[in-house]
PDB file of N, CA and C in Angstrom:
ATOM      1  N   MET A   1       7.454   9.098 -13.605  1.00  0.00           N
ATOM      2  CA  MET A   1       7.015   8.862 -12.164  1.00  0.00           C
ATOM      3  C   MET A   1       7.940   9.674 -11.273  1.00  0.00           C
ATOM      4  N   LYS A   2       7.345  10.149 -10.169  1.00  0.00           N
ATOM      5  CA  LYS A   2       8.122  10.880  -9.217  1.00  0.00           C
ATOM      6  C   LYS A   2       9.071   9.958  -8.447  1.00  0.00           C
ATOM      7  N   ASN A   3      10.122  10.519  -7.898  1.00  0.00           N
ATOM      8  CA  ASN A   3      11.065   9.692  -7.117  1.00  0.00           C
ATOM      9  C   ASN A   3      10.453   9.020  -5.918  1.00  0.00           C
ATOM     10  N   ASP A   4       9.548   9.678  -5.160  1.00  0.00           N
ATOM     11  CA  ASP A   4       8.915   9.080  -4.019  1.00  0.00           C
ATOM     12  C   ASP A   4       8.084   7.870  -4.446  1.00  0.00           C
ATOM     13  N   VAL A   5       7.452   7.919  -5.532  1.00  0.00           N
ATOM     14  CA  VAL A   5       6.640   6.787  -6.028  1.00  0.00           C
ATOM     15  C   VAL A   5       7.627   5.626  -6.373  1.00  0.00           C
ATOM     16  N   LEU A   6       8.706   5.952  -7.107  1.00  0.00           N
ATOM     17  CA  LEU A   6       9.635   4.915  -7.435  1.00  0.00           C
ATOM     18  C   LEU A   6      10.317   4.266  -6.242  1.00  0.00           C
ATOM     19  N   ARG A   7      10.628   5.084  -5.270  1.00  0.00           N
ATOM     20  CA  ARG A   7      11.136   4.488  -4.004  1.00  0.00           C
ATOM     21  C   ARG A   7      10.148   3.623  -3.279  1.00  0.00           C
ATOM     22  N   ALA A   8       8.912   4.042  -3.316  1.00  0.00           N
ATOM     23  CA  ALA A   8       7.901   3.296  -2.649  1.00  0.00           C
ATOM     24  C   ALA A   8       7.643   1.936  -3.279  1.00  0.00           C
ATOM     25  N   ILE A   9       7.676   1.808  -4.587  1.00  0.00           N
ATOM     26  CA  ILE A   9       7.400   0.566  -5.206  1.00  0.00           C
ATOM     27  C   ILE A   9       8.668  -0.303  -5.423  1.00  0.00           C
ATOM     28  N   ALA A  10       9.822   0.272  -5.155  1.00  0.00           N
ATOM     29  CA  ALA A  10      11.106  -0.422  -5.296  1.00  0.00           C
ATOM     30  C   ALA A  10      11.255  -1.570  -4.238  1.00  0.00           C
ATOM     31  N   ASP A  11      10.567  -1.394  -3.112  1.00  0.00           N
ATOM     32  CA  ASP A  11      10.654  -2.372  -2.067  1.00  0.00           C
ATOM     33  C   ASP A  11       9.645  -3.466  -2.341  1.00  0.00           C
ATOM     34  N   ALA A  12      10.108  -4.718  -2.292  1.00  0.00           N
ATOM     35  CA  ALA A  12       9.273  -5.842  -2.601  1.00  0.00           C
ATOM     36  C   ALA A  12       8.050  -6.028  -1.675  1.00  0.00           C
ATOM     37  N   THR A  13       8.292  -5.747  -0.359  1.00  0.00           N
ATOM     38  CA  THR A  13       7.225  -5.834   0.562  1.00  0.00           C
ATOM     39  C   THR A  13       6.143  -4.778   0.340  1.00  0.00           C
ATOM     40  N   ARG A  14       6.549  -3.547   0.036  1.00  0.00           N
ATOM     41  CA  ARG A  14       5.608  -2.514  -0.262  1.00  0.00           C
ATOM     42  C   ARG A  14       4.780  -2.820  -1.507  1.00  0.00           C
ATOM     43  N   LEU A  15       5.480  -3.404  -2.485  1.00  0.00           N
ATOM     44  CA  LEU A  15       4.766  -3.776  -3.714  1.00  0.00           C
ATOM     45  C   LEU A  15       3.761  -4.857  -3.438  1.00  0.00           C
ATOM     46  N   LYS A  16       4.128  -5.831  -2.621  1.00  0.00           N
ATOM     47  CA  LYS A  16       3.198  -6.919  -2.193  1.00  0.00           C
ATOM     48  C   LYS A  16       2.006  -6.320  -1.473  1.00  0.00           C
ATOM     49  N   LEU A  17       2.258  -5.410  -0.573  1.00  0.00           N
ATOM     50  CA  LEU A  17       1.166  -4.726   0.169  1.00  0.00           C
ATOM     51  C   LEU A  17       0.246  -3.952  -0.811  1.00  0.00           C
ATOM     52  N   LEU A  18       0.829  -3.273  -1.747  1.00  0.00           N
ATOM     53  CA  LEU A  18       0.088  -2.497  -2.713  1.00  0.00           C
ATOM     54  C   LEU A  18      -0.783  -3.470  -3.547  1.00  0.00           C
ATOM     55  N   GLU A  19      -0.272  -4.626  -3.985  1.00  0.00           N
ATOM     56  CA  GLU A  19      -1.038  -5.545  -4.740  1.00  0.00           C
ATOM     57  C   GLU A  19      -2.215  -6.130  -3.905  1.00  0.00           C
ATOM     58  N   ARG A  20      -1.926  -6.378  -2.610  1.00  0.00           N
ATOM     59  CA  ARG A  20      -3.025  -6.832  -1.735  1.00  0.00           C
ATOM     60  C   ARG A  20      -4.138  -5.746  -1.548  1.00  0.00           C
ATOM     61  N   ILE A  21      -3.762  -4.579  -1.375  1.00  0.00           N
ATOM     62  CA  ILE A  21      -4.701  -3.468  -1.182  1.00  0.00           C
ATOM     63  C   ILE A  21      -5.504  -3.310  -2.473  1.00  0.00           C
ATOM     64  N   ALA A  22      -4.858  -3.530  -3.642  1.00  0.00           N
ATOM     65  CA  ALA A  22      -5.565  -3.397  -4.893  1.00  0.00           C
ATOM     66  C   ALA A  22      -6.728  -4.317  -5.101  1.00  0.00           C
ATOM     67  N   ARG A  23      -6.713  -5.521  -4.438  1.00  0.00           N
ATOM     68  CA  ARG A  23      -7.748  -6.464  -4.570  1.00  0.00           C
ATOM     69  C   ARG A  23      -9.019  -5.990  -3.902  1.00  0.00           C
ATOM     70  N   SER A  24      -8.901  -5.381  -2.771  1.00  0.00           N
ATOM     71  CA  SER A  24     -10.082  -4.803  -2.085  1.00  0.00           C
ATOM     72  C   SER A  24      -9.608  -3.956  -0.927  1.00  0.00           C
ATOM     73  N   GLU A  25     -10.513  -3.059  -0.437  1.00  0.00           N
ATOM     74  CA  GLU A  25     -10.183  -2.307   0.710  1.00  0.00           C
ATOM     75  C   GLU A  25      -9.881  -3.196   1.899  1.00  0.00           C
ATOM     76  N   VAL A  26      -8.839  -2.920   2.635  1.00  0.00           N
ATOM     77  CA  VAL A  26      -8.430  -3.817   3.728  1.00  0.00           C
ATOM     78  C   VAL A  26      -8.097  -3.046   4.970  1.00  0.00           C
ATOM     79  N   CYS A  27      -8.356  -3.633   6.082  1.00  0.00           N
ATOM     80  CA  CYS A  27      -7.909  -3.049   7.382  1.00  0.00           C
ATOM     81  C   CYS A  27      -6.479  -3.300   7.585  1.00  0.00           C
ATOM     82  N   ALA A  28      -5.827  -2.310   8.121  1.00  0.00           N
ATOM     83  CA  ALA A  28      -4.352  -2.421   8.393  1.00  0.00           C
ATOM     84  C   ALA A  28      -4.089  -3.641   9.318  1.00  0.00           C
ATOM     85  N   CYS A  29      -5.035  -3.950  10.141  1.00  0.00           N
ATOM     86  CA  CYS A  29      -4.853  -5.059  11.133  1.00  0.00           C
ATOM     87  C   CYS A  29      -4.789  -6.438  10.415  1.00  0.00           C
ATOM     88  N   GLU A  30      -5.240  -6.531   9.181  1.00  0.00           N
ATOM     89  CA  GLU A  30      -5.190  -7.786   8.403  1.00  0.00           C
ATOM     90  C   GLU A  30      -3.925  -7.918   7.608  1.00  0.00           C
ATOM     91  N   LEU A  31      -3.190  -6.860   7.394  1.00  0.00           N
ATOM     92  CA  LEU A  31      -2.023  -6.917   6.534  1.00  0.00           C
ATOM     93  C   LEU A  31      -0.769  -7.651   7.094  1.00  0.00           C
ATOM     94  N   PRO A  32      -0.512  -7.660   8.373  1.00  0.00           N
ATOM     95  CA  PRO A  32       0.646  -8.366   8.823  1.00  0.00           C
ATOM     96  C   PRO A  32       0.557  -9.842   8.466  1.00  0.00           C
ATOM     97  N   LYS A  33      -0.618 -10.450   8.574  1.00  0.00           N
ATOM     98  CA  LYS A  33      -0.773 -11.896   8.259  1.00  0.00           C
ATOM     99  C   LYS A  33      -0.524 -12.155   6.795  1.00  0.00           C
ATOM    100  N   SER A  34      -1.111 -11.354   5.929  1.00  0.00           N
ATOM    101  CA  SER A  34      -0.894 -11.603   4.476  1.00  0.00           C
ATOM    102  C   SER A  34       0.523 -11.259   4.014  1.00  0.00           C
ATOM    103  N   ALA A  35       1.156 -10.327   4.645  1.00  0.00           N
ATOM    104  CA  ALA A  35       2.492  -9.914   4.250  1.00  0.00           C
ATOM    105  C   ALA A  35       3.606 -10.642   5.043  1.00  0.00           C
ATOM    106  N   ARG A  36       3.180 -11.348   6.094  1.00  0.00           N
ATOM    107  CA  ARG A  36       4.082 -12.039   6.953  1.00  0.00           C
ATOM    108  C   ARG A  36       5.229 -11.196   7.512  1.00  0.00           C
ATOM    109  N   ILE A  37       4.737 -10.001   7.987  1.00  0.00           N
ATOM    110  CA  ILE A  37       5.643  -9.113   8.726  1.00  0.00           C
ATOM    111  C   ILE A  37       4.918  -8.536   9.907  1.00  0.00           C
ATOM    112  N   SER A  38       5.632  -7.915  10.784  1.00  0.00           N
ATOM    113  CA  SER A  38       5.011  -7.418  12.023  1.00  0.00           C
ATOM    114  C   SER A  38       4.101  -6.160  11.710  1.00  0.00           C
ATOM    115  N   GLN A  39       3.266  -5.909  12.693  1.00  0.00           N
ATOM    116  CA  GLN A  39       2.356  -4.773  12.572  1.00  0.00           C
ATOM    117  C   GLN A  39       3.141  -3.407  12.508  1.00  0.00           C
ATOM    118  N   PRO A  40       4.205  -3.248  13.314  1.00  0.00           N
ATOM    119  CA  PRO A  40       4.955  -2.028  13.150  1.00  0.00           C
ATOM    120  C   PRO A  40       5.644  -1.905  11.776  1.00  0.00           C
ATOM    121  N   ALA A  41       6.117  -2.987  11.225  1.00  0.00           N
ATOM    122  CA  ALA A  41       6.687  -2.925   9.863  1.00  0.00           C
ATOM    123  C   ALA A  41       5.638  -2.578   8.832  1.00  0.00           C
ATOM    124  N   VAL A  42       4.421  -3.173   8.920  1.00  0.00           N
ATOM    125  CA  VAL A  42       3.310  -2.785   8.048  1.00  0.00           C
ATOM    126  C   VAL A  42       3.002  -1.276   8.170  1.00  0.00           C
ATOM    127  N   SER A  43       2.990  -0.754   9.356  1.00  0.00           N
ATOM    128  CA  SER A  43       2.746   0.626   9.599  1.00  0.00           C
ATOM    129  C   SER A  43       3.709   1.529   8.873  1.00  0.00           C
ATOM    130  N   GLN A  44       5.016   1.133   9.004  1.00  0.00           N
ATOM    131  CA  GLN A  44       6.054   1.929   8.321  1.00  0.00           C
ATOM    132  C   GLN A  44       5.913   1.887   6.779  1.00  0.00           C
ATOM    133  N   HIS A  45       5.609   0.660   6.278  1.00  0.00           N
ATOM    134  CA  HIS A  45       5.418   0.582   4.795  1.00  0.00           C
ATOM    135  C   HIS A  45       4.177   1.351   4.351  1.00  0.00           C
ATOM    136  N   LEU A  46       3.092   1.272   5.135  1.00  0.00           N
ATOM    137  CA  LEU A  46       1.896   1.998   4.738  1.00  0.00           C
ATOM    138  C   LEU A  46       2.176   3.537   4.761  1.00  0.00           C
ATOM    139  N   LYS A  47       2.939   3.998   5.668  1.00  0.00           N
ATOM    140  CA  LYS A  47       3.339   5.425   5.742  1.00  0.00           C
ATOM    141  C   LYS A  47       4.000   5.832   4.474  1.00  0.00           C
ATOM    142  N   VAL A  48       4.928   5.032   3.977  1.00  0.00           N
ATOM    143  CA  VAL A  48       5.626   5.368   2.709  1.00  0.00           C
ATOM    144  C   VAL A  48       4.597   5.331   1.504  1.00  0.00           C
ATOM    145  N   LEU A  49       3.791   4.385   1.520  1.00  0.00           N
ATOM    146  CA  LEU A  49       2.717   4.294   0.388  1.00  0.00           C
ATOM    147  C   LEU A  49       1.802   5.469   0.483  1.00  0.00           C
ATOM    148  N   LEU A  50       1.415   5.835   1.644  1.00  0.00           N
ATOM    149  CA  LEU A  50       0.521   7.018   1.771  1.00  0.00           C
ATOM    150  C   LEU A  50       1.282   8.263   1.376  1.00  0.00           C
ATOM    151  N   GLY A  51       2.454   8.420   1.776  1.00  0.00           N
ATOM    152  CA  GLY A  51       3.290   9.597   1.438  1.00  0.00           C
ATOM    153  C   GLY A  51       3.514   9.724  -0.061  1.00  0.00           C
ATOM    154  N   ALA A  52       3.593   8.615  -0.727  1.00  0.00           N
ATOM    155  CA  ALA A  52       3.767   8.633  -2.211  1.00  0.00           C
ATOM    156  C   ALA A  52       2.430   8.820  -2.911  1.00  0.00           C
ATOM    157  N   GLY A  53       1.312   8.770  -2.194  1.00  0.00           N
ATOM    158  CA  GLY A  53       0.022   8.942  -2.759  1.00  0.00           C
ATOM    159  C   GLY A  53      -0.509   7.737  -3.480  1.00  0.00           C
ATOM    160  N   LEU A  54       0.056   6.577  -3.154  1.00  0.00           N
ATOM    161  CA  LEU A  54      -0.382   5.330  -3.798  1.00  0.00           C
ATOM    162  C   LEU A  54      -1.612   4.664  -3.205  1.00  0.00           C
ATOM    163  N   VAL A  55      -1.830   4.996  -1.888  1.00  0.00           N
ATOM    164  CA  VAL A  55      -3.008   4.435  -1.203  1.00  0.00           C
ATOM    165  C   VAL A  55      -3.784   5.551  -0.558  1.00  0.00           C
ATOM    166  N   ASP A  56      -5.017   5.279  -0.275  1.00  0.00           N
ATOM    167  CA  ASP A  56      -5.891   6.182   0.501  1.00  0.00           C
ATOM    168  C   ASP A  56      -6.245   5.442   1.764  1.00  0.00           C
ATOM    169  N   MET A  57      -6.486   6.258   2.842  1.00  0.00           N
ATOM    170  CA  MET A  57      -6.840   5.672   4.112  1.00  0.00           C
ATOM    171  C   MET A  57      -8.074   6.393   4.659  1.00  0.00           C
ATOM    172  N   ARG A  58      -9.015   5.577   5.223  1.00  0.00           N
ATOM    173  CA  ARG A  58     -10.126   6.212   5.910  1.00  0.00           C
ATOM    174  C   ARG A  58     -10.291   5.445   7.226  1.00  0.00           C
ATOM    175  N   LYS A  59     -10.831   6.180   8.201  1.00  0.00           N
ATOM    176  CA  LYS A  59     -11.031   5.624   9.496  1.00  0.00           C
ATOM    177  C   LYS A  59     -12.454   5.161   9.647  1.00  0.00           C
ATOM    178  N   ASP A  60     -12.637   4.043  10.267  1.00  0.00           N
ATOM    179  CA  ASP A  60     -13.924   3.418  10.585  1.00  0.00           C
ATOM    180  C   ASP A  60     -13.880   2.972  12.009  1.00  0.00           C
ATOM    181  N   GLY A  61     -14.278   3.898  12.889  1.00  0.00           N
ATOM    182  CA  GLY A  61     -14.074   3.629  14.353  1.00  0.00           C
ATOM    183  C   GLY A  61     -12.648   3.605  14.682  1.00  0.00           C
ATOM    184  N   ALA A  62     -12.191   2.464  15.250  1.00  0.00           N
ATOM    185  CA  ALA A  62     -10.713   2.301  15.578  1.00  0.00           C
ATOM    186  C   ALA A  62      -9.959   1.791  14.423  1.00  0.00           C
ATOM    187  N   LYS A  63     -10.619   1.291  13.375  1.00  0.00           N
ATOM    188  CA  LYS A  63      -9.924   0.714  12.242  1.00  0.00           C
ATOM    189  C   LYS A  63      -9.467   1.743  11.235  1.00  0.00           C
ATOM    190  N   ARG A  64      -8.343   1.408  10.583  1.00  0.00           N
ATOM    191  CA  ARG A  64      -7.860   2.195   9.428  1.00  0.00           C
ATOM    192  C   ARG A  64      -7.949   1.338   8.216  1.00  0.00           C
ATOM    193  N   LEU A  65      -8.719   1.778   7.303  1.00  0.00           N
ATOM    194  CA  LEU A  65      -8.986   1.021   6.082  1.00  0.00           C
ATOM    195  C   LEU A  65      -8.255   1.634   4.891  1.00  0.00           C
ATOM    196  N   TYR A  66      -7.563   0.766   4.189  1.00  0.00           N
ATOM    197  CA  TYR A  66      -6.687   1.207   3.066  1.00  0.00           C
ATOM    198  C   TYR A  66      -7.268   0.730   1.728  1.00  0.00           C
ATOM    199  N   SER A  67      -7.213   1.650   0.762  1.00  0.00           N
ATOM    200  CA  SER A  67      -7.597   1.283  -0.588  1.00  0.00           C
ATOM    201  C   SER A  67      -6.648   1.930  -1.580  1.00  0.00           C
ATOM    202  N   LEU A  68      -6.630   1.458  -2.770  1.00  0.00           N
ATOM    203  CA  LEU A  68      -5.734   1.946  -3.801  1.00  0.00           C
ATOM    204  C   LEU A  68      -6.184   3.309  -4.262  1.00  0.00           C
ATOM    205  N   SER A  69      -5.306   4.242  -4.340  1.00  0.00           N
ATOM    206  CA  SER A  69      -5.700   5.628  -4.838  1.00  0.00           C
ATOM    207  C   SER A  69      -5.717   5.585  -6.392  1.00  0.00           C
ATOM    208  N   PRO A  70      -6.215   6.623  -7.032  1.00  0.00           N
ATOM    209  CA  PRO A  70      -6.160   6.610  -8.480  1.00  0.00           C
ATOM    210  C   PRO A  70      -4.714   6.574  -9.005  1.00  0.00           C
ATOM    211  N   LEU A  71      -3.824   7.261  -8.340  1.00  0.00           N
ATOM    212  CA  LEU A  71      -2.430   7.179  -8.778  1.00  0.00           C
ATOM    213  C   LEU A  71      -1.871   5.757  -8.505  1.00  0.00           C
ATOM    214  N   GLY A  72      -2.289   5.105  -7.442  1.00  0.00           N
ATOM    215  CA  GLY A  72      -1.850   3.767  -7.200  1.00  0.00           C
ATOM    216  C   GLY A  72      -2.329   2.790  -8.265  1.00  0.00           C
ATOM    217  N   LYS A  73      -3.525   2.969  -8.734  1.00  0.00           N
ATOM    218  CA  LYS A  73      -4.094   2.145  -9.832  1.00  0.00           C
ATOM    219  C   LYS A  73      -3.235   2.334 -11.068  1.00  0.00           C
ATOM    220  N   LYS A  74      -2.914   3.603 -11.391  1.00  0.00           N
ATOM    221  CA  LYS A  74      -2.139   3.815 -12.566  1.00  0.00           C
ATOM    222  C   LYS A  74      -0.753   3.272 -12.498  1.00  0.00           C
ATOM    223  N   VAL A  75      -0.138   3.486 -11.359  1.00  0.00           N
ATOM    224  CA  VAL A  75       1.277   2.956 -11.142  1.00  0.00           C
ATOM    225  C   VAL A  75       1.265   1.438 -11.190  1.00  0.00           C
ATOM    226  N   LEU A  76       0.333   0.802 -10.447  1.00  0.00           N
ATOM    227  CA  LEU A  76       0.297  -0.670 -10.472  1.00  0.00           C
ATOM    228  C   LEU A  76       0.090  -1.216 -11.826  1.00  0.00           C
ATOM    229  N   GLY A  77      -0.783  -0.551 -12.630  1.00  0.00           N
ATOM    230  CA  GLY A  77      -0.979  -0.962 -14.027  1.00  0.00           C
ATOM    231  C   GLY A  77       0.295  -0.856 -14.853  1.00  0.00           C
ATOM    232  N   GLN A  78       1.057   0.220 -14.648  1.00  0.00           N
ATOM    233  CA  GLN A  78       2.309   0.390 -15.377  1.00  0.00           C
ATOM    234  C   GLN A  78       3.375  -0.645 -14.927  1.00  0.00           C
ATOM    235  N   VAL A  79       3.405  -0.930 -13.615  1.00  0.00           N
ATOM    236  CA  VAL A  79       4.349  -1.934 -13.107  1.00  0.00           C
ATOM    237  C   VAL A  79       4.035  -3.269 -13.616  1.00  0.00           C
ATOM    238  N   SER A  80       2.817  -3.643 -13.802  1.00  0.00           N
ATOM    239  CA  SER A  80       2.441  -4.957 -14.236  1.00  0.00           C
ATOM    240  C   SER A  80       2.827  -5.184 -15.650  1.00  0.00           C
ATOM    241  N   ARG A  81       3.041  -4.149 -16.422  1.00  0.00           N
ATOM    242  CA  ARG A  81       3.507  -4.266 -17.842  1.00  0.00           C
ATOM    243  C   ARG A  81       5.020  -4.372 -17.949  1.00  0.00           C
ATOM    244  N   TRP A  82       5.771  -4.124 -16.846  1.00  0.00           N
ATOM    245  CA  TRP A  82       7.230  -4.224 -16.861  1.00  0.00           C
ATOM    246  C   TRP A  82       7.613  -5.644 -17.025  1.00  0.00           C
TER     247      TRP A  82
END
């Protein structure tokens, strides 16, 4: 695994967000409630996950929808075996 991927999943909050995104495509606006953190904090964590290539983002009007990337699926599968 690349260092940026390892750094991204090393944070418990980012791993929790990644697991939530893995269940289904989700709007960024819904993540603060499920992660129990502020919207700015969610944005910073999503930026790291996007930078590591673990999630994909698409725009739907004003919404930003996040889904697990193929790399994210692979990494999450490996992490679940740890």
